[in-house]
Amino acid sequence: MQIKITFLCICVLLVFFLHFLNENQIVKATKDNAQLRKLLNAEKTINTELWIENNELNSRDRIIQYASADLGMICPKTDGNQVIYIKESETKDKVLFSLIDFITPEAQALTQK
């Protein structure tokens, strides 16, 4: 009988220990969760600010203003898709065309189908 009572007391103590251990882990996880949420919100705010700054830096008006003011470039008065120069070169089977326009700074070779 004394063994049964001892075993029962040990089981009750083990249950209490595991219960308090579980509560402690829940409290710790809750604190970590709150800290991670704060960190996530801060990172979201930084990300939004960086997106806004990126959009401002990549805006067409800013690039045009920077190119004209700092680099001394001017906007052409004609249509940007107008072809300035066409160069043909022939190989055995193909005819190659090189087109240079106002937007593209380098020649693009097109293969005739």
C-alpha atoms as a PDB file:
ATOM      1  CA  MET A   1       0.000   0.000   0.000  1.00  0.00           C
ATOM      2  CA  GLN A   2       2.829   2.355   0.834  1.00  0.00           C
ATOM      3  CA  ILE A   3       4.309   1.753  -2.658  1.00  0.00           C
ATOM      4  CA  LYS A   4       1.008   2.718  -4.299  1.00  0.00           C
ATOM      5  CA  ILE A   5       0.811   5.950  -2.286  1.00  0.00           C
ATOM      6  CA  THR A   6       4.438   6.787  -3.099  1.00  0.00           C
ATOM      7  CA  PHE A   7       3.839   6.066  -6.778  1.00  0.00           C
ATOM      8  CA  LEU A   8       0.690   8.206  -6.735  1.00  0.00           C
ATOM      9  CA  CYS A   9       2.554  11.104  -5.040  1.00  0.00           C
ATOM     10  CA  ILE A  10       5.345  10.899  -7.600  1.00  0.00           C
ATOM     11  CA  CYS A  11       2.806  10.942 -10.452  1.00  0.00           C
ATOM     12  CA  VAL A  12       1.011  13.960  -8.961  1.00  0.00           C
ATOM     13  CA  LEU A  13       4.318  15.801  -8.510  1.00  0.00           C
ATOM     14  CA  LEU A  14       5.322  14.913 -12.067  1.00  0.00           C
ATOM     15  CA  VAL A  15       2.007  16.218 -13.397  1.00  0.00           C
ATOM     16  CA  PHE A  16       2.431  19.501 -11.480  1.00  0.00           C
ATOM     17  CA  PHE A  17       6.013  19.844 -12.730  1.00  0.00           C
ATOM     18  CA  LEU A  18       5.023  19.209 -16.342  1.00  0.00           C
ATOM     19  CA  HIS A  19       2.061  21.587 -16.030  1.00  0.00           C
ATOM     20  CA  PHE A  20       4.249  24.449 -14.779  1.00  0.00           C
ATOM     21  CA  LEU A  21       6.944  23.638 -17.332  1.00  0.00           C
ATOM     22  CA  ASN A  22       4.333  23.850 -20.096  1.00  0.00           C
ATOM     23  CA  GLU A  23       3.014  27.181 -18.791  1.00  0.00           C
ATOM     24  CA  ASN A  24       6.552  28.543 -18.655  1.00  0.00           C
ATOM     25  CA  GLN A  25       7.188  27.514 -22.263  1.00  0.00           C
ATOM     26  CA  ILE A  26       3.891  29.108 -23.354  1.00  0.00           C
ATOM     27  CA  VAL A  27       4.812  32.407 -21.650  1.00  0.00           C
ATOM     28  CA  LYS A  28       8.272  32.354 -23.241  1.00  0.00           C
ATOM     29  CA  ALA A  29       6.800  31.595 -26.677  1.00  0.00           C
ATOM     30  CA  THR A  30       4.269  34.416 -26.257  1.00  0.00           C
ATOM     31  CA  LYS A  31       7.040  36.904 -25.430  1.00  0.00           C
ATOM     32  CA  ASP A  32       9.085  35.722 -28.426  1.00  0.00           C
ATOM     33  CA  ASN A  33       6.005  36.003 -30.627  1.00  0.00           C
ATOM     34  CA  ALA A  34       5.357  39.582 -29.489  1.00  0.00           C
ATOM     35  CA  GLN A  35       8.984  40.519 -30.096  1.00  0.00           C
ATOM     36  CA  LEU A  36       8.916  38.966 -33.568  1.00  0.00           C
ATOM     37  CA  ARG A  37       5.697  40.821 -34.407  1.00  0.00           C
ATOM     38  CA  LYS A  38       7.327  44.121 -33.416  1.00  0.00           C
ATOM     39  CA  LEU A  39      10.349  43.268 -35.541  1.00  0.00           C
ATOM     40  CA  LEU A  40       8.119  42.282 -38.474  1.00  0.00           C
ATOM     41  CA  ASN A  41       6.181  45.555 -38.272  1.00  0.00           C
ATOM     42  CA  ALA A  42       9.439  47.526 -38.171  1.00  0.00           C
ATOM     43  CA  GLU A  43      10.763  45.653 -41.218  1.00  0.00           C
ATOM     44  CA  LYS A  44       7.471  46.240 -43.075  1.00  0.00           C
ATOM     45  CA  THR A  45       7.766  49.956 -42.363  1.00  0.00           C
ATOM     46  CA  ILE A  46      11.370  50.020 -43.605  1.00  0.00           C
ATOM     47  CA  ASN A  47      10.351  48.047 -46.699  1.00  0.00           C
ATOM     48  CA  THR A  48       7.543  50.514 -47.467  1.00  0.00           C
ATOM     49  CA  GLU A  49       9.904  53.470 -47.067  1.00  0.00           C
ATOM     50  CA  LEU A  50      12.444  51.823 -49.377  1.00  0.00           C
ATOM     51  CA  TRP A  51       9.734  51.118 -51.999  1.00  0.00           C
ATOM     52  CA  ILE A  52       8.694  54.766 -51.899  1.00  0.00           C
ATOM     53  CA  GLU A  53      12.303  55.924 -52.239  1.00  0.00           C
ATOM     54  CA  ASN A  54      12.902  53.453 -55.083  1.00  0.00           C
ATOM     55  CA  ASN A  55       9.804  54.675 -56.933  1.00  0.00           C
ATOM     56  CA  GLU A  56      10.909  58.281 -56.502  1.00  0.00           C
ATOM     57  CA  LEU A  57      14.417  57.503 -57.754  1.00  0.00           C
ATOM     58  CA  ASN A  58      13.097  55.550 -60.748  1.00  0.00           C
ATOM     59  CA  SER A  59      10.494  58.106 -61.766  1.00  0.00           C
ATOM     60  CA  ARG A  60      10.779  59.277 -65.351  1.00  0.00           C
ATOM     61  CA  ASP A  61      10.624  62.961 -64.412  1.00  0.00           C
ATOM     62  CA  ARG A  62      13.529  62.604 -61.972  1.00  0.00           C
ATOM     63  CA  ILE A  63      15.652  60.717 -64.518  1.00  0.00           C
ATOM     64  CA  ILE A  64      14.947  63.328 -67.200  1.00  0.00           C
ATOM     65  CA  GLN A  65      15.768  66.144 -64.784  1.00  0.00           C
ATOM     66  CA  TYR A  66      19.007  64.420 -63.688  1.00  0.00           C
ATOM     67  CA  ALA A  67      20.029  63.697 -67.286  1.00  0.00           C
ATOM     68  CA  SER A  68      19.390  67.270 -68.430  1.00  0.00           C
ATOM     69  CA  ALA A  69      20.770  69.093 -65.376  1.00  0.00           C
ATOM     70  CA  ASP A  70      23.757  66.987 -64.334  1.00  0.00           C
ATOM     71  CA  LEU A  71      24.720  65.147 -67.517  1.00  0.00           C
ATOM     72  CA  GLY A  72      23.887  67.863 -70.046  1.00  0.00           C
ATOM     73  CA  MET A  73      21.634  65.615 -72.142  1.00  0.00           C
ATOM     74  CA  ILE A  74      18.680  66.985 -74.068  1.00  0.00           C
ATOM     75  CA  CYS A  75      15.392  65.395 -75.073  1.00  0.00           C
ATOM     76  CA  PRO A  76      14.954  64.953 -78.822  1.00  0.00           C
ATOM     77  CA  LYS A  77      12.154  67.001 -80.359  1.00  0.00           C
ATOM     78  CA  THR A  78      11.057  64.209 -82.722  1.00  0.00           C
ATOM     79  CA  ASP A  79       9.204  60.992 -82.010  1.00  0.00           C
ATOM     80  CA  GLY A  80      11.302  58.590 -79.919  1.00  0.00           C
ATOM     81  CA  ASN A  81      10.489  55.628 -82.145  1.00  0.00           C
ATOM     82  CA  GLN A  82      11.661  57.299 -85.326  1.00  0.00           C
ATOM     83  CA  VAL A  83      14.511  55.415 -86.993  1.00  0.00           C
ATOM     84  CA  ILE A  84      17.657  57.454 -87.552  1.00  0.00           C
ATOM     85  CA  TYR A  85      19.834  55.014 -89.415  1.00  0.00           C
ATOM     86  CA  ILE A  86      19.366  51.619 -91.086  1.00  0.00           C
ATOM     87  CA  LYS A  87      22.309  49.448 -92.063  1.00  0.00           C
ATOM     88  CA  GLU A  88      21.946  46.284 -94.143  1.00  0.00           C
ATOM     89  CA  SER A  89      24.452  43.481 -94.269  1.00  0.00           C
ATOM     90  CA  GLU A  90      24.032  40.192 -96.059  1.00  0.00           C
ATOM     91  CA  THR A  91      25.375  36.754 -95.274  1.00  0.00           C
ATOM     92  CA  LYS A  92      24.832  33.567 -97.272  1.00  0.00           C
ATOM     93  CA  ASP A  93      21.267  32.871 -96.100  1.00  0.00           C
ATOM     94  CA  LYS A  94      20.262  35.938 -94.117  1.00  0.00           C
ATOM     95  CA  VAL A  95      19.871  39.655 -94.437  1.00  0.00           C
ATOM     96  CA  LEU A  96      20.729  41.510 -91.240  1.00  0.00           C
ATOM     97  CA  PHE A  97      19.401  44.973 -90.377  1.00  0.00           C
ATOM     98  CA  SER A  98      20.879  47.247 -87.744  1.00  0.00           C
ATOM     99  CA  LEU A  99      18.505  49.922 -86.447  1.00  0.00           C
ATOM    100  CA  ILE A 100      19.508  52.889 -84.312  1.00  0.00           C
ATOM    101  CA  ASP A 101      16.793  55.002 -82.697  1.00  0.00           C
ATOM    102  CA  PHE A 102      16.569  57.786 -80.104  1.00  0.00           C
ATOM    103  CA  ILE A 103      15.760  55.500 -77.159  1.00  0.00           C
ATOM    104  CA  THR A 104      18.158  52.621 -77.755  1.00  0.00           C
ATOM    105  CA  PRO A 105      21.767  53.694 -77.253  1.00  0.00           C
ATOM    106  CA  GLU A 106      23.154  50.812 -79.307  1.00  0.00           C
ATOM    107  CA  ALA A 107      22.328  49.140 -82.591  1.00  0.00           C
ATOM    108  CA  GLN A 108      20.004  46.165 -82.526  1.00  0.00           C
ATOM    109  CA  ALA A 109      20.414  43.571 -85.268  1.00  0.00           C
ATOM    110  CA  LEU A 110      17.201  42.080 -86.625  1.00  0.00           C
ATOM    111  CA  THR A 111      17.152  38.918 -88.686  1.00  0.00           C
ATOM    112  CA  GLN A 112      14.716  38.813 -91.560  1.00  0.00           C
ATOM    113  CA  LYS A 113      12.473  35.720 -91.492  1.00  0.00           C
END
